[in-house]
């Protein structure tokens, strides 16, 4: 099976790579909508070849992942609860659904930041089952994937493409620590954004009072 998956990945890469930045979007779409593909090495390869376009490659990869995930989301929305419960068990399903009810944005953003072997499609399916707001769903995946690819790009530029395999091994053997680190980074980013938003709102209110 692994051999066939590698051949499938190489075939898609041969078709999409000549498309440049659109190839990144296409490969990310296939990865999210169908079989899992070695997306991180693909993005790393593009960035290594042209570091100046790292944000563009990261954005295209994030957009492709968000668009491709719509396929799994629709399956969950149209009746994927039975499939999900059968796959992961009712107890785990209830925990995931509860996390969506409390923090739906972070519940999909955090897993989207983690590389394989994170079972991201299960979270996407859960988002559909939980009827997560579609705009929040797309925004969370785009934000998570974009941060992931930007961080990966900087690491590739600094240490070379070999860092992808190293990080994959670290996540595979220490996934709990990886999740904790990603969660801490995401919460810190959210806190900074929240503080800036409150300050901006306060400044606008003060300016309005001064004009009156």
C-alpha atoms as a PDB file:
ATOM      1  CA  UNK A   1       0.000   0.000   0.000  1.00  0.00           C
ATOM      2  CA  UNK A   2       2.822   2.392   0.904  1.00  0.00           C
ATOM      3  CA  UNK A   3       4.514   1.649  -2.421  1.00  0.00           C
ATOM      4  CA  UNK A   4       1.302   2.405  -4.326  1.00  0.00           C
ATOM      5  CA  UNK A   5       0.801   5.628  -2.356  1.00  0.00           C
ATOM      6  CA  UNK A   6       4.314   6.746  -3.232  1.00  0.00           C
ATOM      7  CA  UNK A   7       3.662   6.067  -6.923  1.00  0.00           C
ATOM      8  CA  UNK A   8       0.371   7.967  -6.689  1.00  0.00           C
ATOM      9  CA  UNK A   9       2.109  10.926  -5.038  1.00  0.00           C
ATOM     10  CA  UNK A  10       4.855  10.996  -7.665  1.00  0.00           C
ATOM     11  CA  UNK A  11       2.290  10.884 -10.463  1.00  0.00           C
ATOM     12  CA  UNK A  12       0.352  13.846  -9.030  1.00  0.00           C
ATOM     13  CA  UNK A  13       3.568  15.736  -8.402  1.00  0.00           C
ATOM     14  CA  UNK A  14       4.639  15.227 -12.020  1.00  0.00           C
ATOM     15  CA  UNK A  15       1.351  16.739 -13.192  1.00  0.00           C
ATOM     16  CA  UNK A  16       1.131  19.646 -10.753  1.00  0.00           C
ATOM     17  CA  UNK A  17       4.733  20.756 -10.275  1.00  0.00           C
ATOM     18  CA  UNK A  18       4.987  22.520 -13.666  1.00  0.00           C
ATOM     19  CA  UNK A  19       2.039  24.700 -12.603  1.00  0.00           C
ATOM     20  CA  UNK A  20       4.210  26.611 -10.124  1.00  0.00           C
ATOM     21  CA  UNK A  21       2.301  28.236  -7.264  1.00  0.00           C
ATOM     22  CA  UNK A  22      -0.937  26.749  -8.581  1.00  0.00           C
ATOM     23  CA  UNK A  23       0.667  23.359  -8.243  1.00  0.00           C
ATOM     24  CA  UNK A  24       1.061  23.980  -4.518  1.00  0.00           C
ATOM     25  CA  UNK A  25      -2.652  24.798  -4.255  1.00  0.00           C
ATOM     26  CA  UNK A  26      -3.607  21.734  -6.307  1.00  0.00           C
ATOM     27  CA  UNK A  27      -1.429  19.360  -4.326  1.00  0.00           C
ATOM     28  CA  UNK A  28      -2.775  20.743  -1.037  1.00  0.00           C
ATOM     29  CA  UNK A  29      -6.327  20.298  -2.327  1.00  0.00           C
ATOM     30  CA  UNK A  30      -5.707  16.638  -3.217  1.00  0.00           C
ATOM     31  CA  UNK A  31      -4.030  16.057   0.153  1.00  0.00           C
ATOM     32  CA  UNK A  32      -7.009  17.451   2.074  1.00  0.00           C
ATOM     33  CA  UNK A  33      -9.822  16.035  -0.047  1.00  0.00           C
ATOM     34  CA  UNK A  34      -8.586  12.520  -0.807  1.00  0.00           C
ATOM     35  CA  UNK A  35      -5.504  10.500   0.153  1.00  0.00           C
ATOM     36  CA  UNK A  36      -2.895  12.037   2.393  1.00  0.00           C
ATOM     37  CA  UNK A  37       0.100  13.282   0.407  1.00  0.00           C
ATOM     38  CA  UNK A  38       3.617  14.407   1.449  1.00  0.00           C
ATOM     39  CA  UNK A  39       2.530  18.039   1.472  1.00  0.00           C
ATOM     40  CA  UNK A  40       5.238  19.363   3.787  1.00  0.00           C
ATOM     41  CA  UNK A  41       8.120  18.121   1.577  1.00  0.00           C
ATOM     42  CA  UNK A  42       6.401  19.649  -1.456  1.00  0.00           C
ATOM     43  CA  UNK A  43       6.032  23.077   0.158  1.00  0.00           C
ATOM     44  CA  UNK A  44       9.578  22.799   1.520  1.00  0.00           C
ATOM     45  CA  UNK A  45      10.897  22.037  -1.952  1.00  0.00           C
ATOM     46  CA  UNK A  46       9.224  25.082  -3.475  1.00  0.00           C
ATOM     47  CA  UNK A  47      10.454  27.328  -0.658  1.00  0.00           C
ATOM     48  CA  UNK A  48      14.003  25.967  -0.839  1.00  0.00           C
ATOM     49  CA  UNK A  49      14.085  26.695  -4.571  1.00  0.00           C
ATOM     50  CA  UNK A  50      12.638  30.211  -4.188  1.00  0.00           C
ATOM     51  CA  UNK A  51      12.799  31.500  -0.584  1.00  0.00           C
ATOM     52  CA  UNK A  52      11.542  34.980  -1.510  1.00  0.00           C
ATOM     53  CA  UNK A  53       8.087  33.555  -2.211  1.00  0.00           C
ATOM     54  CA  UNK A  54       7.674  31.678   1.065  1.00  0.00           C
ATOM     55  CA  UNK A  55       4.556  33.606   2.091  1.00  0.00           C
ATOM     56  CA  UNK A  56       2.980  33.053  -1.311  1.00  0.00           C
ATOM     57  CA  UNK A  57       3.680  29.316  -1.208  1.00  0.00           C
ATOM     58  CA  UNK A  58       2.392  29.129   2.367  1.00  0.00           C
ATOM     59  CA  UNK A  59      -0.784  30.979   1.412  1.00  0.00           C
ATOM     60  CA  UNK A  60      -1.442  28.785  -1.606  1.00  0.00           C
ATOM     61  CA  UNK A  61      -0.862  25.637   0.441  1.00  0.00           C
ATOM     62  CA  UNK A  62      -3.207  26.900   3.162  1.00  0.00           C
ATOM     63  CA  UNK A  63      -5.880  27.847   0.628  1.00  0.00           C
ATOM     64  CA  UNK A  64      -5.658  24.458  -1.080  1.00  0.00           C
ATOM     65  CA  UNK A  65      -5.994  22.663   2.249  1.00  0.00           C
ATOM     66  CA  UNK A  66      -9.042  24.723   3.210  1.00  0.00           C
ATOM     67  CA  UNK A  67     -10.755  24.182  -0.150  1.00  0.00           C
ATOM     68  CA  UNK A  68      -9.975  20.464  -0.234  1.00  0.00           C
ATOM     69  CA  UNK A  69     -11.299  19.988   3.285  1.00  0.00           C
ATOM     70  CA  UNK A  70     -14.733  21.085   2.089  1.00  0.00           C
ATOM     71  CA  UNK A  71     -15.187  17.591   0.611  1.00  0.00           C
ATOM     72  CA  UNK A  72     -14.741  15.901   4.007  1.00  0.00           C
ATOM     73  CA  UNK A  73     -16.758  18.613   5.751  1.00  0.00           C
ATOM     74  CA  UNK A  74     -19.751  18.013   3.460  1.00  0.00           C
ATOM     75  CA  UNK A  75     -19.574  14.264   4.108  1.00  0.00           C
ATOM     76  CA  UNK A  76     -19.730  14.913   7.840  1.00  0.00           C
ATOM     77  CA  UNK A  77     -22.458  17.533   7.475  1.00  0.00           C
ATOM     78  CA  UNK A  78     -24.637  15.217   5.376  1.00  0.00           C
ATOM     79  CA  UNK A  79     -24.516  12.338   7.829  1.00  0.00           C
ATOM     80  CA  UNK A  80     -21.027  11.352   8.839  1.00  0.00           C
ATOM     81  CA  UNK A  81     -21.796  10.842  12.532  1.00  0.00           C
ATOM     82  CA  UNK A  82     -22.322   7.096  12.160  1.00  0.00           C
ATOM     83  CA  UNK A  83     -19.078   6.753  10.198  1.00  0.00           C
ATOM     84  CA  UNK A  84     -17.153   8.785  12.751  1.00  0.00           C
ATOM     85  CA  UNK A  85     -18.498   6.928  15.786  1.00  0.00           C
ATOM     86  CA  UNK A  86     -17.670   3.628  14.112  1.00  0.00           C
ATOM     87  CA  UNK A  87     -14.118   4.818  13.426  1.00  0.00           C
ATOM     88  CA  UNK A  88     -13.137   6.370  16.764  1.00  0.00           C
ATOM     89  CA  UNK A  89     -15.775   5.191  19.254  1.00  0.00           C
ATOM     90  CA  UNK A  90     -18.648   7.053  20.873  1.00  0.00           C
ATOM     91  CA  UNK A  91     -16.689   8.237  23.922  1.00  0.00           C
ATOM     92  CA  UNK A  92     -13.964   9.889  21.869  1.00  0.00           C
ATOM     93  CA  UNK A  93     -16.545  11.315  19.481  1.00  0.00           C
ATOM     94  CA  UNK A  94     -18.400  12.956  22.370  1.00  0.00           C
ATOM     95  CA  UNK A  95     -15.160  14.536  23.596  1.00  0.00           C
ATOM     96  CA  UNK A  96     -14.393  15.947  20.153  1.00  0.00           C
ATOM     97  CA  UNK A  97     -17.951  17.268  19.760  1.00  0.00           C
ATOM     98  CA  UNK A  98     -17.745  18.906  23.191  1.00  0.00           C
ATOM     99  CA  UNK A  99     -14.498  20.627  22.223  1.00  0.00           C
ATOM    100  CA  UNK A 100     -16.183  22.018  19.095  1.00  0.00           C
ATOM    101  CA  UNK A 101     -19.079  23.337  21.159  1.00  0.00           C
ATOM    102  CA  UNK A 102     -16.684  25.184  23.498  1.00  0.00           C
ATOM    103  CA  UNK A 103     -13.953  26.392  21.128  1.00  0.00           C
ATOM    104  CA  UNK A 104     -14.859  25.473  17.576  1.00  0.00           C
ATOM    105  CA  UNK A 105     -12.225  27.706  15.930  1.00  0.00           C
ATOM    106  CA  UNK A 106      -9.304  26.386  17.976  1.00  0.00           C
ATOM    107  CA  UNK A 107     -10.690  22.830  17.790  1.00  0.00           C
ATOM    108  CA  UNK A 108      -9.968  22.782  14.048  1.00  0.00           C
ATOM    109  CA  UNK A 109      -7.109  25.301  13.878  1.00  0.00           C
ATOM    110  CA  UNK A 110      -4.800  23.470  16.287  1.00  0.00           C
ATOM    111  CA  UNK A 111      -4.943  20.081  14.496  1.00  0.00           C
ATOM    112  CA  UNK A 112      -4.444  21.842  11.154  1.00  0.00           C
ATOM    113  CA  UNK A 113      -1.097  23.149  12.415  1.00  0.00           C
ATOM    114  CA  UNK A 114       0.233  19.668  13.153  1.00  0.00           C
ATOM    115  CA  UNK A 115       1.979  17.563  10.498  1.00  0.00           C
ATOM    116  CA  UNK A 116       1.304  13.844   9.917  1.00  0.00           C
ATOM    117  CA  UNK A 117       0.567  11.442  11.534  1.00  0.00           C
ATOM    118  CA  UNK A 118      -2.084  13.739  13.043  1.00  0.00           C
ATOM    119  CA  UNK A 119      -5.496  12.346  11.905  1.00  0.00           C
ATOM    120  CA  UNK A 120      -6.614  15.739  10.642  1.00  0.00           C
ATOM    121  CA  UNK A 121      -9.392  14.405   8.405  1.00  0.00           C
ATOM    122  CA  UNK A 122     -11.160  13.057  11.498  1.00  0.00           C
ATOM    123  CA  UNK A 123     -11.271  16.579  12.913  1.00  0.00           C
ATOM    124  CA  UNK A 124     -12.568  17.918   9.596  1.00  0.00           C
ATOM    125  CA  UNK A 125     -15.260  15.231   9.537  1.00  0.00           C
ATOM    126  CA  UNK A 126     -16.135  16.115  13.118  1.00  0.00           C
ATOM    127  CA  UNK A 127     -16.485  19.779  12.148  1.00  0.00           C
ATOM    128  CA  UNK A 128     -19.060  18.789   9.549  1.00  0.00           C
ATOM    129  CA  UNK A 129     -20.933  16.544  11.968  1.00  0.00           C
ATOM    130  CA  UNK A 130     -20.951  19.351  14.557  1.00  0.00           C
ATOM    131  CA  UNK A 131     -22.240  21.752  11.858  1.00  0.00           C
ATOM    132  CA  UNK A 132     -19.429  24.201  12.510  1.00  0.00           C
ATOM    133  CA  UNK A 133     -20.024  27.564  10.880  1.00  0.00           C
ATOM    134  CA  UNK A 134     -18.639  27.286   7.369  1.00  0.00           C
ATOM    135  CA  UNK A 135     -16.791  30.618   7.395  1.00  0.00           C
ATOM    136  CA  UNK A 136     -15.134  29.740  10.707  1.00  0.00           C
ATOM    137  CA  UNK A 137     -14.273  26.302   9.352  1.00  0.00           C
ATOM    138  CA  UNK A 138     -12.448  27.696   6.315  1.00  0.00           C
ATOM    139  CA  UNK A 139     -10.810  30.471   8.326  1.00  0.00           C
ATOM    140  CA  UNK A 140      -9.525  28.088  11.008  1.00  0.00           C
ATOM    141  CA  UNK A 141      -7.962  25.706   8.503  1.00  0.00           C
ATOM    142  CA  UNK A 142      -6.404  28.506   6.483  1.00  0.00           C
ATOM    143  CA  UNK A 143      -4.963  30.165   9.603  1.00  0.00           C
ATOM    144  CA  UNK A 144      -3.589  26.916  11.015  1.00  0.00           C
ATOM    145  CA  UNK A 145      -2.084  25.702   7.756  1.00  0.00           C
ATOM    146  CA  UNK A 146      -0.638  29.118   6.942  1.00  0.00           C
ATOM    147  CA  UNK A 147       1.142  29.325  10.305  1.00  0.00           C
ATOM    148  CA  UNK A 148       2.391  25.764   9.884  1.00  0.00           C
ATOM    149  CA  UNK A 149       3.802  26.385   6.412  1.00  0.00           C
ATOM    150  CA  UNK A 150       5.355  29.726   7.342  1.00  0.00           C
ATOM    151  CA  UNK A 151       7.146  28.201  10.332  1.00  0.00           C
ATOM    152  CA  UNK A 152       8.207  25.241   8.201  1.00  0.00           C
ATOM    153  CA  UNK A 153       9.486  27.599   5.491  1.00  0.00           C
ATOM    154  CA  UNK A 154      11.684  29.555   7.890  1.00  0.00           C
ATOM    155  CA  UNK A 155      13.094  26.309   9.272  1.00  0.00           C
ATOM    156  CA  UNK A 156      13.795  25.011   5.764  1.00  0.00           C
ATOM    157  CA  UNK A 157      15.571  28.232   4.793  1.00  0.00           C
ATOM    158  CA  UNK A 158      17.649  28.073   7.977  1.00  0.00           C
ATOM    159  CA  UNK A 159      18.424  24.343   8.170  1.00  0.00           C
ATOM    160  CA  UNK A 160      17.677  22.932   4.714  1.00  0.00           C
ATOM    161  CA  UNK A 161      14.972  20.545   3.404  1.00  0.00           C
ATOM    162  CA  UNK A 162      16.179  17.738   5.682  1.00  0.00           C
ATOM    163  CA  UNK A 163      14.465  19.452   8.605  1.00  0.00           C
ATOM    164  CA  UNK A 164      11.104  18.165   7.297  1.00  0.00           C
ATOM    165  CA  UNK A 165      11.983  14.539   7.975  1.00  0.00           C
ATOM    166  CA  UNK A 166      13.450  15.407  11.364  1.00  0.00           C
ATOM    167  CA  UNK A 167      10.303  17.262  12.476  1.00  0.00           C
ATOM    168  CA  UNK A 168       8.120  14.427  11.217  1.00  0.00           C
ATOM    169  CA  UNK A 169      10.048  11.967  13.375  1.00  0.00           C
ATOM    170  CA  UNK A 170       9.787  14.233  16.417  1.00  0.00           C
ATOM    171  CA  UNK A 171       6.012  14.580  16.027  1.00  0.00           C
ATOM    172  CA  UNK A 172       5.604  10.848  15.445  1.00  0.00           C
ATOM    173  CA  UNK A 173       7.451   9.891  18.638  1.00  0.00           C
ATOM    174  CA  UNK A 174       6.498  12.867  20.830  1.00  0.00           C
ATOM    175  CA  UNK A 175       3.076  13.901  19.544  1.00  0.00           C
ATOM    176  CA  UNK A 176       1.766  14.922  22.976  1.00  0.00           C
ATOM    177  CA  UNK A 177       4.551  17.482  23.380  1.00  0.00           C
ATOM    178  CA  UNK A 178       4.020  18.679  19.801  1.00  0.00           C
ATOM    179  CA  UNK A 179       0.329  19.266  20.466  1.00  0.00           C
ATOM    180  CA  UNK A 180       1.130  21.099  23.712  1.00  0.00           C
ATOM    181  CA  UNK A 181       3.628  23.388  21.966  1.00  0.00           C
ATOM    182  CA  UNK A 182       1.274  24.149  19.090  1.00  0.00           C
ATOM    183  CA  UNK A 183      -1.566  24.834  21.509  1.00  0.00           C
ATOM    184  CA  UNK A 184       0.630  27.222  23.516  1.00  0.00           C
ATOM    185  CA  UNK A 185       1.708  29.098  20.370  1.00  0.00           C
ATOM    186  CA  UNK A 186      -1.882  29.346  19.112  1.00  0.00           C
ATOM    187  CA  UNK A 187      -3.199  30.576  22.465  1.00  0.00           C
ATOM    188  CA  UNK A 188      -0.405  33.131  22.730  1.00  0.00           C
ATOM    189  CA  UNK A 189      -1.147  34.368  19.201  1.00  0.00           C
ATOM    190  CA  UNK A 190      -4.839  34.625  20.048  1.00  0.00           C
ATOM    191  CA  UNK A 191      -4.057  36.532  23.257  1.00  0.00           C
ATOM    192  CA  UNK A 192      -1.811  39.026  21.421  1.00  0.00           C
ATOM    193  CA  UNK A 193      -4.488  39.535  18.758  1.00  0.00           C
ATOM    194  CA  UNK A 194      -7.151  40.006  21.441  1.00  0.00           C
ATOM    195  CA  UNK A 195      -5.079  42.561  23.361  1.00  0.00           C
ATOM    196  CA  UNK A 196      -4.379  44.550  20.203  1.00  0.00           C
ATOM    197  CA  UNK A 197      -8.054  44.494  19.261  1.00  0.00           C
ATOM    198  CA  UNK A 198      -9.098  45.750  22.701  1.00  0.00           C
ATOM    199  CA  UNK A 199      -6.477  48.509  22.601  1.00  0.00           C
ATOM    200  CA  UNK A 200      -7.590  49.565  19.146  1.00  0.00           C
ATOM    201  CA  UNK A 201     -11.227  49.658  20.250  1.00  0.00           C
ATOM    202  CA  UNK A 202     -10.304  51.655  23.354  1.00  0.00           C
ATOM    203  CA  UNK A 203      -8.313  54.164  21.287  1.00  0.00           C
ATOM    204  CA  UNK A 204     -11.211  54.643  18.869  1.00  0.00           C
ATOM    205  CA  UNK A 205     -13.609  55.247  21.772  1.00  0.00           C
ATOM    206  CA  UNK A 206     -11.245  57.785  23.342  1.00  0.00           C
ATOM    207  CA  UNK A 207     -10.853  59.549  20.019  1.00  0.00           C
ATOM    208  CA  UNK A 208     -14.628  59.688  19.611  1.00  0.00           C
ATOM    209  CA  UNK A 209     -15.059  61.159  23.115  1.00  0.00           C
ATOM    210  CA  UNK A 210     -12.379  63.771  22.402  1.00  0.00           C
ATOM    211  CA  UNK A 211     -14.122  64.877  19.198  1.00  0.00           C
ATOM    212  CA  UNK A 212     -17.397  65.304  21.053  1.00  0.00           C
END
